[in-house]
Amino acid sequence: MDINQLPVECIATILAFTSPKDACRSATVSPAFRSAADSEALWTTFLPSDYRQIISQASSPSTTSFLNSLSKKALYFHLCDHQLLIGSGNSSFVLEKESGKKCYMIGARDLEIIWGNSTQYWTWNPNPISRFSEVAELQMVWWLEIKGRIEARNLSPQTNYAAYLVFKLVEDRYQRRGFRERPVLLRVYFEGAEVEEGKTAILDPREGSLVAFEERADGWMEIEMGEIFNELGDDGSIIFHLKEFHDFITKSGLIVEGIEIRPKND
């Protein structure tokens, strides 16, 4: 029997075992495959099972209404190509286009920043290249500690995730202190589990030395904090932790946009 003679529903069921990329390619095979590749049933399988709950968290009710009006295929690609601000607008969600796995950015306002509400130590300012309304700028501290968390059930199961600090340093080198002299400690772990030592990195390396961070396409820099395997997406919190404290070395000039959590594919 010619596979093109199968009902569209059967072809869609077969395509559901492939990837979104392969499903799009299959549309060129025949009209039957094109119908299956555009079907609501197929793209519902590629969307996260809790996609309705996710879009209901959009910071703007009009955004939720717009997303609910889209076909499932259009919704999938919109969530891949556009950051969805969620909650109070201080965090965001996006889908990884190749796999449909969930990615989050916890914005600075949704992080636990020690003394973050004291203008003596931190200020909150808009930044033209940030997706969020404001970012955190470090004025001066001895004790630097930033912590984020996400529920494991909010991430895709059976997925190895990495967390990245998304940051910049102020351009004026005279306003940047402490990050050349002292490395920061970076850790990612399940809350309540035994915490490993983590990794250390210099955020403001001297010219010509090796750097641990990468420049992003959006103009920010990122440094990997660590990785973790989310096996079944069970209940429990995943913690992202940065700290550095030294009684005699002040730190200043760090600008934090947030912590991004996305699948690590390498």
Protein backbone atom coordinates (compact mmCIF):
# COMPACT_ATOMS: atom_id res chain seq x y z
CA MET A 1 0.00 0.00 0.00
CA ASP A 2 1.25 3.48 -0.94
CA ILE A 3 1.83 5.46 2.26
CA ASN A 4 0.28 8.50 0.54
CA GLN A 5 -3.03 6.61 0.50
CA LEU A 6 -3.12 6.46 4.29
CA PRO A 7 -5.61 8.74 6.05
CA VAL A 8 -4.15 12.12 7.00
CA GLU A 9 -4.68 11.26 10.68
CA CYS A 10 -2.44 8.20 10.33
CA ILE A 11 0.30 10.15 8.60
CA ALA A 12 0.10 12.80 11.33
CA THR A 13 0.50 10.08 13.96
CA ILE A 14 3.61 8.81 12.19
CA LEU A 15 5.07 12.32 11.89
CA ALA A 16 4.53 12.87 15.62
CA PHE A 17 7.42 10.45 16.20
CA THR A 18 9.76 12.71 14.22
CA SER A 19 10.78 16.31 14.95
CA PRO A 20 9.19 19.66 14.04
CA LYS A 21 11.96 20.15 11.45
CA ASP A 22 11.31 16.76 9.84
CA ALA A 23 7.56 17.37 9.87
CA CYS A 24 8.02 20.60 7.92
CA ARG A 25 10.26 18.85 5.40
CA SER A 26 7.69 16.10 4.89
CA ALA A 27 5.18 18.67 3.61
CA THR A 28 6.98 18.59 0.24
CA VAL A 29 6.37 14.85 -0.23
CA SER A 30 2.73 14.99 -1.30
CA PRO A 31 -0.57 16.81 -0.65
CA ALA A 32 -1.46 14.17 1.96
CA PHE A 33 1.78 14.76 3.82
CA ARG A 34 1.29 18.52 3.54
CA SER A 35 -2.13 18.23 5.16
CA ALA A 36 -0.73 16.03 7.92
CA ALA A 37 2.25 18.33 8.46
CA ASP A 38 -0.10 21.29 9.01
CA SER A 39 -2.62 19.47 11.17
CA GLU A 40 -3.64 20.67 14.60
CA ALA A 41 -3.22 17.17 16.01
CA LEU A 42 0.42 16.95 14.93
CA TRP A 43 1.51 20.34 16.28
CA THR A 44 -0.30 19.74 19.54
CA THR A 45 2.11 16.83 20.11
CA PHE A 46 5.11 19.11 19.50
CA LEU A 47 3.91 21.74 21.95
CA PRO A 48 4.64 21.20 25.67
CA SER A 49 1.82 19.31 27.38
CA ASP A 50 1.26 22.33 29.65
CA TYR A 51 1.33 24.95 26.87
CA ARG A 52 -2.09 26.32 27.84
CA GLN A 53 -0.91 26.95 31.38
CA ILE A 54 2.27 28.62 30.07
CA ILE A 55 0.50 31.08 27.79
CA SER A 56 -2.03 31.84 30.53
CA GLN A 57 0.94 33.22 32.50
CA ALA A 58 1.67 35.88 29.87
CA SER A 59 2.22 39.25 31.54
CA SER A 60 -0.29 40.84 29.14
CA PRO A 61 -3.86 39.47 28.85
CA SER A 62 -3.94 40.62 25.22
CA THR A 63 -0.92 38.41 24.51
CA THR A 64 -2.73 35.41 25.97
CA SER A 65 -5.78 36.15 23.78
CA PHE A 66 -3.59 36.50 20.69
CA LEU A 67 -1.75 33.23 21.32
CA ASN A 68 -5.00 31.37 21.92
CA SER A 69 -6.22 32.54 18.51
CA LEU A 70 -3.33 30.96 16.61
CA SER A 71 -3.28 27.55 14.97
CA LYS A 72 -1.12 25.05 16.83
CA LYS A 73 1.60 25.23 14.17
CA ALA A 74 1.62 29.04 14.23
CA LEU A 75 1.67 28.97 18.02
CA TYR A 76 4.66 26.64 18.04
CA PHE A 77 6.74 28.88 15.81
CA HIS A 78 5.62 32.05 17.55
CA LEU A 79 6.82 30.63 20.87
CA CYS A 80 10.12 29.73 19.19
CA ASP A 81 10.69 33.13 17.59
CA HIS A 82 9.33 35.48 20.27
CA GLN A 83 10.19 35.70 23.94
CA LEU A 84 7.01 35.40 26.01
CA LEU A 85 7.13 37.62 29.08
CA ILE A 86 5.44 35.79 31.94
CA GLY A 87 4.24 36.55 35.46
CA SER A 88 4.91 40.17 36.32
CA GLY A 89 6.97 40.56 33.14
CA ASN A 90 10.29 39.91 34.89
CA SER A 91 10.86 36.43 33.42
CA SER A 92 10.42 34.97 29.96
CA PHE A 93 9.71 31.71 28.16
CA VAL A 94 10.66 30.43 24.71
CA LEU A 95 10.72 27.09 22.91
CA GLU A 96 13.85 25.62 21.38
CA LYS A 97 12.90 25.41 17.71
CA GLU A 98 14.69 22.17 16.84
CA SER A 99 13.29 20.12 19.72
CA GLY A 100 10.33 21.98 21.21
CA LYS A 101 11.98 21.84 24.64
CA LYS A 102 11.25 24.59 27.15
CA CYS A 103 13.65 27.42 27.95
CA TYR A 104 13.31 30.11 30.60
CA MET A 105 15.02 33.34 31.52
CA ILE A 106 14.65 34.41 35.15
CA GLY A 107 15.02 38.17 35.06
CA ALA A 108 17.01 40.04 37.71
CA ARG A 109 13.84 41.19 39.51
CA ASP A 110 12.82 37.55 40.01
CA LEU A 111 16.23 36.59 41.43
CA GLU A 112 17.24 36.69 45.08
CA ILE A 113 19.97 39.33 45.19
CA ILE A 114 21.50 40.04 48.58
CA TRP A 115 20.89 43.75 49.39
CA GLY A 116 19.23 44.08 46.00
CA ASN A 117 16.64 46.52 47.34
CA SER A 118 19.19 48.89 48.85
CA THR A 119 20.23 51.66 46.43
CA GLN A 120 23.49 51.96 48.33
CA TYR A 121 24.47 48.58 46.89
CA TRP A 122 22.33 47.99 43.79
CA THR A 123 20.34 50.20 41.44
CA TRP A 124 17.61 49.19 39.02
CA ASN A 125 17.69 50.79 35.58
CA PRO A 126 16.16 50.31 32.13
CA ASN A 127 18.53 49.00 29.49
CA PRO A 128 17.82 49.42 25.77
CA ILE A 129 18.97 45.90 24.86
CA SER A 130 17.15 44.09 27.68
CA ARG A 131 13.89 42.21 27.18
CA PHE A 132 12.89 43.31 30.68
CA SER A 133 11.87 46.76 31.90
CA GLU A 134 14.88 47.01 34.21
CA VAL A 135 18.14 45.31 35.08
CA ALA A 136 20.25 45.27 38.25
CA GLU A 137 23.48 47.29 38.40
CA LEU A 138 25.93 46.66 41.21
CA GLN A 139 27.17 49.83 42.91
CA MET A 140 29.32 48.34 45.65
CA VAL A 141 29.31 45.26 47.88
CA TRP A 142 31.76 43.08 49.73
CA TRP A 143 29.34 40.15 49.85
CA LEU A 144 28.00 39.28 46.40
CA GLU A 145 25.31 36.61 46.28
CA ILE A 146 22.67 35.95 43.64
CA LYS A 147 20.30 33.00 43.68
CA GLY A 148 17.59 31.86 41.28
CA ARG A 149 15.25 28.89 41.34
CA ILE A 150 12.85 27.07 39.06
CA GLU A 151 10.56 24.13 39.66
CA ALA A 152 11.80 21.00 37.90
CA ARG A 153 8.27 20.23 36.68
CA ASN A 154 8.34 23.45 34.63
CA LEU A 155 11.22 22.14 32.51
CA SER A 156 11.16 19.43 29.84
CA PRO A 157 11.77 15.93 31.23
CA GLN A 158 14.62 13.69 30.10
CA THR A 159 16.65 16.77 29.26
CA ASN A 160 20.11 17.96 30.22
CA TYR A 161 19.86 21.66 31.06
CA ALA A 162 22.51 24.31 31.58
CA ALA A 163 22.06 27.61 33.37
CA TYR A 164 23.78 30.79 32.22
CA LEU A 165 24.34 34.09 33.99
CA VAL A 166 23.44 36.82 31.47
CA PHE A 167 25.39 39.95 32.34
CA LYS A 168 27.48 42.92 31.26
CA LEU A 169 30.14 45.03 32.91
CA VAL A 170 29.95 48.81 32.89
CA GLU A 171 32.08 50.31 30.13
CA ASP A 172 34.10 52.56 32.44
CA ARG A 173 36.90 50.37 33.77
CA TYR A 174 37.38 52.69 36.75
CA GLN A 175 33.88 51.75 37.91
CA ARG A 176 34.61 48.02 37.67
CA ARG A 177 36.15 46.62 40.82
CA GLY A 178 36.78 43.22 42.28
CA PHE A 179 36.01 40.98 39.33
CA ARG A 180 39.59 40.85 38.09
CA GLU A 181 40.99 40.06 41.51
CA ARG A 182 38.49 37.46 42.64
CA PRO A 183 36.68 34.65 40.81
CA VAL A 184 32.99 34.13 41.46
CA LEU A 185 31.66 30.72 42.52
CA LEU A 186 28.92 29.26 40.28
CA ARG A 187 26.73 26.28 41.19
CA VAL A 188 23.58 24.53 39.94
CA TYR A 189 21.89 21.88 42.08
CA PHE A 190 18.61 20.37 43.25
CA GLU A 191 17.43 21.95 46.47
CA GLY A 192 18.08 19.63 49.39
CA ALA A 193 20.67 17.56 47.52
CA GLU A 194 24.32 17.44 48.49
CA VAL A 195 25.93 20.46 46.84
CA GLU A 196 29.05 19.89 44.80
CA GLU A 197 31.93 22.37 44.82
CA GLY A 198 30.82 24.09 41.62
CA LYS A 199 33.04 26.09 39.31
CA THR A 200 34.84 29.41 39.52
CA ALA A 201 35.31 32.07 36.86
CA ILE A 202 36.79 35.54 36.44
CA LEU A 203 34.12 37.88 35.06
CA ASP A 204 36.56 40.67 34.12
CA PRO A 205 39.67 38.91 32.81
CA ARG A 206 42.80 40.83 31.99
CA GLU A 207 43.51 41.54 28.34
CA GLY A 208 45.00 38.54 26.58
CA SER A 209 43.88 36.00 29.18
CA LEU A 210 41.39 33.23 28.56
CA VAL A 211 37.74 34.13 29.04
CA ALA A 212 35.04 31.84 30.43
CA PHE A 213 32.11 33.73 28.95
CA GLU A 214 30.69 34.26 25.47
CA GLU A 215 29.10 37.23 23.79
CA ARG A 216 25.49 36.65 22.83
CA ALA A 217 23.71 37.80 19.69
CA ASP A 218 21.53 40.11 21.82
CA GLY A 219 24.55 42.11 23.02
CA TRP A 220 24.83 40.58 26.49
CA MET A 221 27.48 38.17 27.74
CA GLU A 222 26.81 34.79 29.27
CA ILE A 223 28.75 32.39 31.41
CA GLU A 224 27.70 28.83 32.14
CA MET A 225 26.91 28.33 35.81
CA GLY A 226 26.55 24.55 35.59
CA GLU A 227 24.32 21.84 34.21
CA ILE A 228 21.76 19.43 35.55
CA PHE A 229 19.73 16.52 34.19
CA ASN A 230 15.99 16.88 34.62
CA GLU A 231 14.99 13.24 34.53
CA LEU A 232 11.24 13.08 35.04
CA GLY A 233 10.36 16.68 35.87
CA ASP A 234 9.30 15.64 39.36
CA ASP A 235 8.48 18.09 42.12
CA GLY A 236 11.45 19.96 43.52
CA SER A 237 13.39 23.14 42.94
CA ILE A 238 16.57 23.61 40.95
CA ILE A 239 18.84 26.28 42.42
CA PHE A 240 21.23 28.56 40.50
CA HIS A 241 23.76 30.19 42.78
CA LEU A 242 26.50 32.80 42.33
CA LYS A 243 28.55 34.17 45.20
CA GLU A 244 31.82 35.85 46.10
CA PHE A 245 32.70 37.42 49.39
CA HIS A 246 35.96 38.82 50.62
CA ASP A 247 36.17 41.23 53.52
CA PHE A 248 38.79 43.42 51.87
CA ILE A 249 37.78 43.44 48.20
CA THR A 250 34.78 45.46 47.09
CA LYS A 251 32.95 44.62 43.90
CA SER A 252 31.15 47.01 41.54
CA GLY A 253 30.22 47.51 37.89
CA LEU A 254 28.31 44.26 37.27
CA ILE A 255 25.01 44.53 35.36
CA VAL A 256 22.72 41.51 35.63
CA GLU A 257 19.89 40.82 33.18
CA GLY A 258 19.06 37.38 34.56
CA ILE A 259 19.75 33.67 34.50
CA GLU A 260 18.80 31.66 31.41
CA ILE A 261 17.99 27.95 31.55
CA ARG A 262 18.08 26.05 28.28
CA PRO A 263 18.86 22.53 27.00
CA LYS A 264 22.53 21.77 26.58
CA ASN A 265 22.99 19.95 23.31
CA ASP A 266 26.75 19.50 23.08
